[in-house]
């Protein structure tokens, strides 16, 4: 944790990965993140593998540096308890669907009217005003709709999902960007700005940054799609004993690369002499690299490329990543003792500001219910009454 956001309280009414991953970033920067979940816990808690019930590994990785309060928002007393927390908070983040927030009185219009200093972020599947705005959205659906699955098609032409929850995590980072910008604006102007982050628009914006290409111009001067990224030879190359990634990019790197792969003849070609003309032959260039790589081992190529200052790298698997020498040297993987789950391996937050505090563990369901309610001014007898009615729950009691 880097305590830059100390003093900022974030109410996290999110589930699955998109919202929790976003608020985890704010928690890593020192914000007091209060995770609000039902007494049964949020959905990802229950996905295997796990040692103890409702403590799935996916939940542990996306919910460090938070406090958990278990509230039944279907009850009037539960909603009142949440509003008591909101009175003392700076940020409210939810990825509940619009109709659900309106039904609970937690939509942006209601909250900003009641708490003018509260920054409200609504993470949704699709932006307001479009025909999809009320549709359910998950990562796979948006990967398909946004064009990500289509641009990731294999040589058979079949679209493929990127094998990670890409859109969720990408949207999470835009949530963080919006929260930080809104907090800065509030600090400067005294006015809190609330906002919406739609998955579909975020993923499409992300994809088209480089793929809009000729369609950027009106009238179009060419089709969308960045040719270098879409050509079939842009892939890890087979070596004598494995695979390698190598990317000669500028003039100097290609001039060093071609002799290494036995293609000095290309250096004299007219089309090779400028980036512009070379870019029209990029598929041919990559095909030359592809043809040469099986002649040596991965280690032999890495040694040659590094001496020539050509960007390259071995191809890690999920398993070999744990032994990567760079990640090992920088202390990326860390040991973490969880009070209920025991010894864990965790990853280091990539931002480094030169000041860190120990990571706090991902909480069990309602681990901090009584503590949080006391923080916002409820007396012990009031907390006991809420627990007695089932409006709130505390783990272990």
Protein backbone atom coordinates (compact mmCIF):
# COMPACT_ATOMS: atom_id res chain seq x y z
CA UNK A 1 0.00 0.00 0.00
CA UNK A 2 1.15 3.51 -0.86
CA UNK A 3 -0.79 5.88 1.44
CA UNK A 4 -1.41 8.73 -1.01
CA UNK A 5 -5.20 8.53 -0.57
CA UNK A 6 -5.22 8.34 3.21
CA UNK A 7 -8.36 10.07 4.47
CA UNK A 8 -10.45 9.19 1.40
CA UNK A 9 -13.31 6.79 2.13
CA UNK A 10 -14.66 4.68 -0.74
CA UNK A 11 -17.91 2.72 -0.52
CA UNK A 12 -17.53 -0.30 -2.78
CA UNK A 13 -20.90 -1.78 -3.78
CA UNK A 14 -19.51 -3.94 -6.56
CA UNK A 15 -19.05 -7.60 -7.35
CA UNK A 16 -17.22 -10.02 -9.64
CA UNK A 17 -13.98 -8.44 -11.01
CA UNK A 18 -14.51 -5.05 -12.68
CA UNK A 19 -15.62 -3.06 -9.62
CA UNK A 20 -13.59 -4.96 -7.01
CA UNK A 21 -10.38 -4.69 -9.08
CA UNK A 22 -10.94 -0.92 -9.42
CA UNK A 23 -11.52 -0.32 -5.73
CA UNK A 24 -8.56 -2.57 -4.89
CA UNK A 25 -6.36 -0.07 -6.77
CA UNK A 26 -7.75 2.75 -4.61
CA UNK A 27 -7.15 0.66 -1.51
CA UNK A 28 -3.57 0.01 -2.60
CA UNK A 29 -3.11 3.78 -2.72
CA UNK A 30 -4.27 4.14 0.88
CA UNK A 31 -8.00 4.82 0.60
CA UNK A 32 -10.32 3.34 3.23
CA UNK A 33 -12.32 1.01 0.99
CA UNK A 34 -15.50 -0.36 2.57
CA UNK A 35 -16.72 -3.41 0.69
CA UNK A 36 -20.50 -3.68 1.01
CA UNK A 37 -21.81 -7.16 0.30
CA UNK A 38 -24.84 -9.28 1.17
CA UNK A 39 -24.66 -11.59 4.20
CA UNK A 40 -24.00 -14.50 1.81
CA UNK A 41 -21.05 -12.66 0.29
CA UNK A 42 -20.44 -11.55 -3.29
CA UNK A 43 -20.44 -14.03 -6.17
CA UNK A 44 -16.68 -14.45 -6.77
CA UNK A 45 -16.15 -15.56 -3.16
CA UNK A 46 -17.79 -18.87 -4.05
CA UNK A 47 -15.72 -19.81 -7.12
CA UNK A 48 -13.10 -22.55 -6.56
CA UNK A 49 -10.32 -23.10 -5.68
CA UNK A 50 -10.54 -22.27 -2.00
CA UNK A 51 -9.50 -23.58 1.38
CA UNK A 52 -12.40 -22.19 3.39
CA UNK A 53 -15.96 -21.51 2.21
CA UNK A 54 -16.59 -18.14 0.52
CA UNK A 55 -12.86 -17.37 0.24
CA UNK A 56 -12.13 -18.28 -3.38
CA UNK A 57 -8.71 -17.43 -4.78
CA UNK A 58 -10.16 -15.02 -7.35
CA UNK A 59 -11.83 -13.07 -4.57
CA UNK A 60 -8.61 -12.93 -2.53
CA UNK A 61 -6.66 -11.45 -5.44
CA UNK A 62 -9.14 -8.63 -6.17
CA UNK A 63 -10.10 -7.58 -2.65
CA UNK A 64 -6.99 -6.85 -0.62
CA UNK A 65 -6.78 -3.59 1.33
CA UNK A 66 -10.51 -3.39 2.06
CA UNK A 67 -12.85 -3.67 5.01
CA UNK A 68 -16.02 -5.74 4.64
CA UNK A 69 -19.47 -4.98 5.94
CA UNK A 70 -22.34 -7.39 5.32
CA UNK A 71 -25.66 -5.58 4.76
CA UNK A 72 -29.01 -6.86 3.58
CA UNK A 73 -30.02 -4.01 1.29
CA UNK A 74 -33.46 -5.55 0.81
CA UNK A 75 -34.30 -4.36 4.31
CA UNK A 76 -35.10 -0.77 5.24
CA UNK A 77 -32.73 -0.94 8.21
CA UNK A 78 -29.96 -2.25 5.97
CA UNK A 79 -30.38 0.61 3.52
CA UNK A 80 -30.40 3.08 6.41
CA UNK A 81 -27.10 1.62 7.64
CA UNK A 82 -25.57 2.08 4.20
CA UNK A 83 -26.73 5.70 4.08
CA UNK A 84 -25.10 6.27 7.45
CA UNK A 85 -21.81 5.15 5.89
CA UNK A 86 -22.36 7.28 2.79
CA UNK A 87 -22.71 10.39 4.99
CA UNK A 88 -19.02 10.05 5.89
CA UNK A 89 -17.73 8.91 2.50
CA UNK A 90 -16.00 10.55 -0.46
CA UNK A 91 -16.64 8.05 -3.22
CA UNK A 92 -19.38 5.56 -4.08
CA UNK A 93 -18.68 2.92 -6.74
CA UNK A 94 -21.25 0.41 -7.96
CA UNK A 95 -21.63 -1.93 -10.91
CA UNK A 96 -25.23 -2.81 -10.14
CA UNK A 97 -27.59 -2.45 -13.09
CA UNK A 98 -29.47 0.84 -13.40
CA UNK A 99 -32.88 -0.51 -12.46
CA UNK A 100 -31.48 -2.11 -9.32
CA UNK A 101 -29.84 1.12 -8.11
CA UNK A 102 -33.03 3.07 -8.82
CA UNK A 103 -35.10 0.53 -6.91
CA UNK A 104 -32.76 0.86 -3.91
CA UNK A 105 -32.53 4.65 -4.13
CA UNK A 106 -28.80 4.36 -4.91
CA UNK A 107 -28.88 5.86 -8.40
CA UNK A 108 -26.66 8.86 -9.07
CA UNK A 109 -29.51 11.38 -9.17
CA UNK A 110 -30.74 10.33 -5.72
CA UNK A 111 -27.29 10.16 -4.13
CA UNK A 112 -25.89 13.42 -5.52
CA UNK A 113 -29.02 15.25 -4.38
CA UNK A 114 -28.60 13.87 -0.87
CA UNK A 115 -24.77 13.97 -0.66
CA UNK A 116 -23.47 16.82 -2.84
CA UNK A 117 -19.83 16.11 -1.90
CA UNK A 118 -20.00 12.45 -2.87
CA UNK A 119 -18.28 11.33 -6.09
CA UNK A 120 -20.51 8.63 -7.60
CA UNK A 121 -19.28 6.18 -10.21
CA UNK A 122 -21.65 3.83 -12.02
CA UNK A 123 -19.88 1.07 -13.93
CA UNK A 124 -22.32 -0.36 -16.45
CA UNK A 125 -22.30 -2.65 -19.44
CA UNK A 126 -23.50 -0.13 -21.99
CA UNK A 127 -23.72 3.64 -22.06
CA UNK A 128 -26.96 5.50 -21.43
CA UNK A 129 -29.06 6.20 -24.49
CA UNK A 130 -28.24 3.17 -26.63
CA UNK A 131 -30.41 0.15 -27.42
CA UNK A 132 -28.27 -2.12 -25.21
CA UNK A 133 -28.36 0.12 -22.13
CA UNK A 134 -30.47 -2.23 -20.00
CA UNK A 135 -28.86 -5.48 -21.21
CA UNK A 136 -26.81 -7.69 -18.93
CA UNK A 137 -23.10 -7.50 -19.69
CA UNK A 138 -20.18 -9.73 -18.87
CA UNK A 139 -16.64 -9.69 -20.19
CA UNK A 140 -17.17 -12.31 -22.91
CA UNK A 141 -20.23 -10.53 -24.30
CA UNK A 142 -18.40 -7.22 -24.51
CA UNK A 143 -15.27 -8.80 -25.99
CA UNK A 144 -17.56 -10.01 -28.78
CA UNK A 145 -19.55 -6.81 -29.29
CA UNK A 146 -16.56 -4.46 -29.10
CA UNK A 147 -14.57 -6.23 -31.80
CA UNK A 148 -11.92 -7.67 -29.51
CA UNK A 149 -12.89 -11.31 -30.16
CA UNK A 150 -13.10 -10.64 -33.89
CA UNK A 151 -9.65 -9.10 -34.15
CA UNK A 152 -8.29 -12.04 -32.14
CA UNK A 153 -9.48 -14.57 -34.72
CA UNK A 154 -7.24 -17.49 -35.54
CA UNK A 155 -6.09 -18.48 -39.02
CA UNK A 156 -9.36 -20.40 -39.41
CA UNK A 157 -11.21 -17.08 -39.12
CA UNK A 158 -13.06 -18.09 -35.96
CA UNK A 159 -13.26 -15.28 -33.38
CA UNK A 160 -11.59 -16.01 -30.05
CA UNK A 161 -11.86 -14.48 -26.61
CA UNK A 162 -8.67 -13.20 -25.03
CA UNK A 163 -8.14 -15.74 -22.20
CA UNK A 164 -8.41 -13.26 -19.36
CA UNK A 165 -11.11 -10.96 -18.00
CA UNK A 166 -9.74 -8.20 -20.17
CA UNK A 167 -12.69 -5.82 -20.44
CA UNK A 168 -13.45 -5.99 -16.72
CA UNK A 169 -9.89 -5.08 -15.77
CA UNK A 170 -9.60 -2.44 -18.48
CA UNK A 171 -12.86 -0.79 -17.39
CA UNK A 172 -11.62 -0.94 -13.80
CA UNK A 173 -8.66 1.26 -14.68
CA UNK A 174 -10.99 3.85 -16.25
CA UNK A 175 -13.03 3.75 -13.04
CA UNK A 176 -9.88 4.58 -11.10
CA UNK A 177 -9.00 7.36 -13.56
CA UNK A 178 -12.47 8.88 -13.19
CA UNK A 179 -12.45 8.68 -9.40
CA UNK A 180 -9.05 10.33 -9.10
CA UNK A 181 -9.93 13.07 -11.60
CA UNK A 182 -13.24 13.74 -9.84
CA UNK A 183 -11.58 13.93 -6.43
CA UNK A 184 -9.02 16.39 -7.79
CA UNK A 185 -11.80 18.48 -9.33
CA UNK A 186 -13.67 18.50 -6.02
CA UNK A 187 -10.51 19.58 -4.22
CA UNK A 188 -9.99 22.48 -6.64
CA UNK A 189 -13.57 23.62 -7.19
CA UNK A 190 -15.52 22.30 -4.21
CA UNK A 191 -17.85 20.49 -6.64
CA UNK A 192 -18.10 16.70 -6.77
CA UNK A 193 -18.52 15.28 -10.28
CA UNK A 194 -20.20 11.92 -10.77
CA UNK A 195 -19.77 9.78 -13.86
CA UNK A 196 -20.58 6.58 -15.71
CA UNK A 197 -18.09 4.06 -17.10
CA UNK A 198 -19.61 1.74 -19.76
CA UNK A 199 -17.79 -1.48 -20.62
CA UNK A 200 -18.78 -1.48 -24.30
CA UNK A 201 -17.61 2.05 -25.01
CA UNK A 202 -14.44 1.57 -22.95
CA UNK A 203 -13.46 -1.60 -24.79
CA UNK A 204 -14.24 -0.08 -28.21
CA UNK A 205 -12.27 3.08 -27.37
CA UNK A 206 -9.35 0.94 -26.28
CA UNK A 207 -9.42 -1.27 -29.37
CA UNK A 208 -9.81 1.50 -31.95
CA UNK A 209 -6.92 3.60 -30.67
CA UNK A 210 -4.65 1.83 -33.15
CA UNK A 211 -7.22 -0.05 -35.25
CA UNK A 212 -9.27 2.90 -36.57
CA UNK A 213 -6.50 3.45 -39.16
CA UNK A 214 -7.81 4.55 -42.59
CA UNK A 215 -11.34 4.87 -41.25
CA UNK A 216 -10.07 7.80 -39.17
CA UNK A 217 -10.45 10.00 -42.25
CA UNK A 218 -13.70 11.12 -43.84
CA UNK A 219 -14.04 9.95 -46.51
CA UNK A 220 -12.10 6.85 -45.53
CA UNK A 221 -8.63 6.44 -47.02
CA UNK A 222 -8.49 2.76 -46.12
CA UNK A 223 -10.18 0.10 -43.99
CA UNK A 224 -9.98 -0.11 -40.21
CA UNK A 225 -7.34 -2.46 -38.80
CA UNK A 226 -3.66 -2.01 -38.05
CA UNK A 227 -1.97 -4.30 -40.59
CA UNK A 228 1.12 -4.96 -38.47
CA UNK A 229 -0.97 -6.33 -35.63
CA UNK A 230 -3.31 -8.38 -37.80
CA UNK A 231 -0.82 -10.18 -40.01
CA UNK A 232 -0.58 -13.91 -39.43
CA UNK A 233 3.17 -13.87 -38.69
CA UNK A 234 2.81 -11.59 -35.67
CA UNK A 235 3.10 -14.30 -33.04
CA UNK A 236 5.69 -15.99 -30.84
CA UNK A 237 8.08 -17.75 -33.21
CA UNK A 238 9.10 -21.40 -32.99
CA UNK A 239 12.77 -21.91 -32.19
CA UNK A 240 14.80 -25.12 -32.15
CA UNK A 241 13.63 -25.84 -28.60
CA UNK A 242 10.67 -23.59 -27.83
CA UNK A 243 9.31 -20.15 -28.62
CA UNK A 244 10.54 -16.56 -28.64
CA UNK A 245 9.07 -13.08 -28.99
CA UNK A 246 11.16 -10.63 -30.98
CA UNK A 247 10.16 -7.22 -32.34
CA UNK A 248 12.58 -5.29 -34.51
CA UNK A 249 10.72 -2.01 -34.87
CA UNK A 250 12.85 0.96 -35.96
CA UNK A 251 15.49 1.36 -38.68
CA UNK A 252 18.42 0.52 -36.44
CA UNK A 253 16.80 -2.65 -35.11
CA UNK A 254 15.85 -3.98 -38.55
CA UNK A 255 19.33 -3.18 -39.87
CA UNK A 256 20.79 -5.26 -37.03
CA UNK A 257 18.20 -8.03 -37.39
CA UNK A 258 18.44 -8.86 -41.08
CA UNK A 259 22.11 -10.00 -41.05
CA UNK A 260 21.39 -12.17 -38.03
CA UNK A 261 18.71 -14.08 -39.94
CA UNK A 262 20.70 -14.27 -43.17
CA UNK A 263 18.71 -11.66 -45.09
CA UNK A 264 21.30 -8.93 -45.68
CA UNK A 265 19.98 -8.68 -49.25
CA UNK A 266 16.87 -6.90 -48.01
CA UNK A 267 18.96 -3.98 -46.72
CA UNK A 268 19.44 -2.81 -50.33
CA UNK A 269 15.80 -3.01 -51.37
CA UNK A 270 14.17 0.34 -52.20
CA UNK A 271 11.07 -0.49 -50.15
CA UNK A 272 13.21 -1.14 -47.05
CA UNK A 273 14.67 2.38 -46.94
CA UNK A 274 11.80 4.13 -45.08
CA UNK A 275 9.37 3.21 -42.35
CA UNK A 276 6.45 4.16 -44.57
CA UNK A 277 7.36 1.89 -47.46
CA UNK A 278 8.57 -0.86 -45.14
CA UNK A 279 5.23 -0.86 -43.32
CA UNK A 280 3.50 -1.93 -46.55
CA UNK A 281 5.66 -5.08 -46.57
CA UNK A 282 5.48 -5.88 -42.87
CA UNK A 283 3.92 -9.29 -43.44
CA UNK A 284 6.88 -10.24 -45.66
CA UNK A 285 9.30 -8.96 -43.00
CA UNK A 286 7.71 -11.03 -40.25
CA UNK A 287 7.64 -14.09 -42.53
CA UNK A 288 11.44 -13.81 -42.89
CA UNK A 289 11.83 -13.79 -39.12
CA UNK A 290 9.44 -16.72 -38.76
CA UNK A 291 11.42 -18.79 -41.27
CA UNK A 292 14.75 -18.17 -39.55
CA UNK A 293 13.85 -18.81 -35.91
CA UNK A 294 13.87 -22.66 -35.96
CA UNK A 295 17.59 -22.64 -36.80
CA UNK A 296 18.71 -21.82 -33.25
CA UNK A 297 17.58 -22.38 -29.68
CA UNK A 298 15.69 -19.75 -27.75
CA UNK A 299 18.73 -19.06 -25.56
CA UNK A 300 20.99 -18.62 -28.60
CA UNK A 301 18.61 -16.13 -30.21
CA UNK A 302 18.15 -14.21 -26.96
CA UNK A 303 21.90 -13.78 -26.62
CA UNK A 304 22.25 -12.52 -30.20
CA UNK A 305 19.27 -10.18 -30.02
CA UNK A 306 20.24 -8.66 -26.70
CA UNK A 307 23.77 -7.96 -27.93
CA UNK A 308 22.22 -6.20 -30.94
CA UNK A 309 19.72 -4.31 -28.72
CA UNK A 310 16.72 -5.86 -30.48
CA UNK A 311 13.63 -6.16 -28.23
CA UNK A 312 13.07 -9.80 -27.39
CA UNK A 313 11.91 -12.15 -24.69
CA UNK A 314 11.25 -15.76 -23.85
CA UNK A 315 7.63 -16.94 -23.80
CA UNK A 316 6.55 -17.56 -20.22
CA UNK A 317 3.72 -19.84 -19.17
CA UNK A 318 1.61 -19.14 -16.10
CA UNK A 319 3.83 -21.61 -14.24
CA UNK A 320 7.21 -20.30 -15.45
CA UNK A 321 6.21 -16.72 -14.68
CA UNK A 322 6.84 -17.47 -11.00
CA UNK A 323 10.50 -18.17 -11.82
CA UNK A 324 11.05 -15.24 -14.18
CA UNK A 325 14.41 -13.75 -13.14
CA UNK A 326 13.28 -10.15 -13.50
CA UNK A 327 10.12 -10.57 -11.40
CA UNK A 328 12.15 -12.49 -8.85
CA UNK A 329 14.81 -9.78 -8.63
CA UNK A 330 12.26 -6.97 -8.24
CA UNK A 331 10.31 -8.79 -5.52
CA UNK A 332 7.11 -8.91 -7.55
CA UNK A 333 5.82 -12.05 -5.84
CA UNK A 334 5.44 -11.68 -2.10
CA UNK A 335 4.50 -13.92 0.79
CA UNK A 336 1.40 -12.86 2.68
CA UNK A 337 -0.10 -14.38 5.82
CA UNK A 338 -3.90 -14.37 5.83
CA UNK A 339 -5.60 -14.82 9.23
CA UNK A 340 -7.98 -17.51 7.92
CA UNK A 341 -6.43 -18.71 4.65
CA UNK A 342 -2.83 -19.10 5.81
CA UNK A 343 0.22 -18.48 3.64
CA UNK A 344 -0.54 -16.82 0.32
CA UNK A 345 1.45 -15.69 -2.70
CA UNK A 346 0.49 -12.16 -3.73
CA UNK A 347 1.66 -9.76 -6.43
CA UNK A 348 3.21 -6.37 -5.80
CA UNK A 349 1.27 -3.30 -6.93
CA UNK A 350 3.16 -1.92 -9.96
CA UNK A 351 3.12 1.74 -8.86
CA UNK A 352 6.05 2.65 -6.62
CA UNK A 353 6.23 5.99 -4.85
CA UNK A 354 9.03 5.15 -2.44
CA UNK A 355 6.71 4.79 0.55
CA UNK A 356 4.84 1.61 1.36
CA UNK A 357 2.74 0.18 4.15
CA UNK A 358 1.98 -3.53 4.64
CA UNK A 359 -0.83 -4.98 2.56
CA UNK A 360 -4.00 -5.79 4.46
CA UNK A 361 -5.74 -9.08 3.81
CA UNK A 362 -8.89 -9.67 1.77
CA UNK A 363 -11.63 -9.76 4.43
CA UNK A 364 -14.04 -12.54 5.27
CA UNK A 365 -17.73 -11.71 4.85
CA UNK A 366 -18.70 -8.90 7.21
CA UNK A 367 -15.37 -9.02 9.02
CA UNK A 368 -15.51 -5.31 9.86
CA UNK A 369 -19.28 -4.77 10.17
CA UNK A 370 -19.28 -3.66 13.80
CA UNK A 371 -16.08 -1.63 13.41
CA UNK A 372 -17.41 0.28 10.39
CA UNK A 373 -20.78 1.02 11.97
CA UNK A 374 -19.04 2.27 15.10
CA UNK A 375 -16.81 4.44 12.91
CA UNK A 376 -19.84 6.21 11.46
CA UNK A 377 -21.39 6.90 14.85
CA UNK A 378 -23.71 4.02 15.69
CA UNK A 379 -23.84 2.98 19.32
CA UNK A 380 -23.26 -0.61 20.42
CA UNK A 381 -26.96 -1.15 21.17
CA UNK A 382 -27.92 0.17 17.70
CA UNK A 383 -25.47 -2.21 16.05
CA UNK A 384 -26.79 -5.10 18.12
CA UNK A 385 -30.35 -4.27 17.05
CA UNK A 386 -29.36 -4.27 13.36
CA UNK A 387 -27.66 -7.63 13.78
CA UNK A 388 -30.68 -9.04 15.58
CA UNK A 389 -32.99 -8.18 12.68
CA UNK A 390 -30.56 -9.54 10.09
CA UNK A 391 -30.10 -6.12 8.46
CA UNK A 392 -26.34 -6.50 8.97
CA UNK A 393 -24.09 -9.43 9.78
CA UNK A 394 -20.69 -9.86 11.40
CA UNK A 395 -18.48 -12.83 10.57
CA UNK A 396 -18.06 -15.23 13.45
CA UNK A 397 -21.07 -13.94 15.36
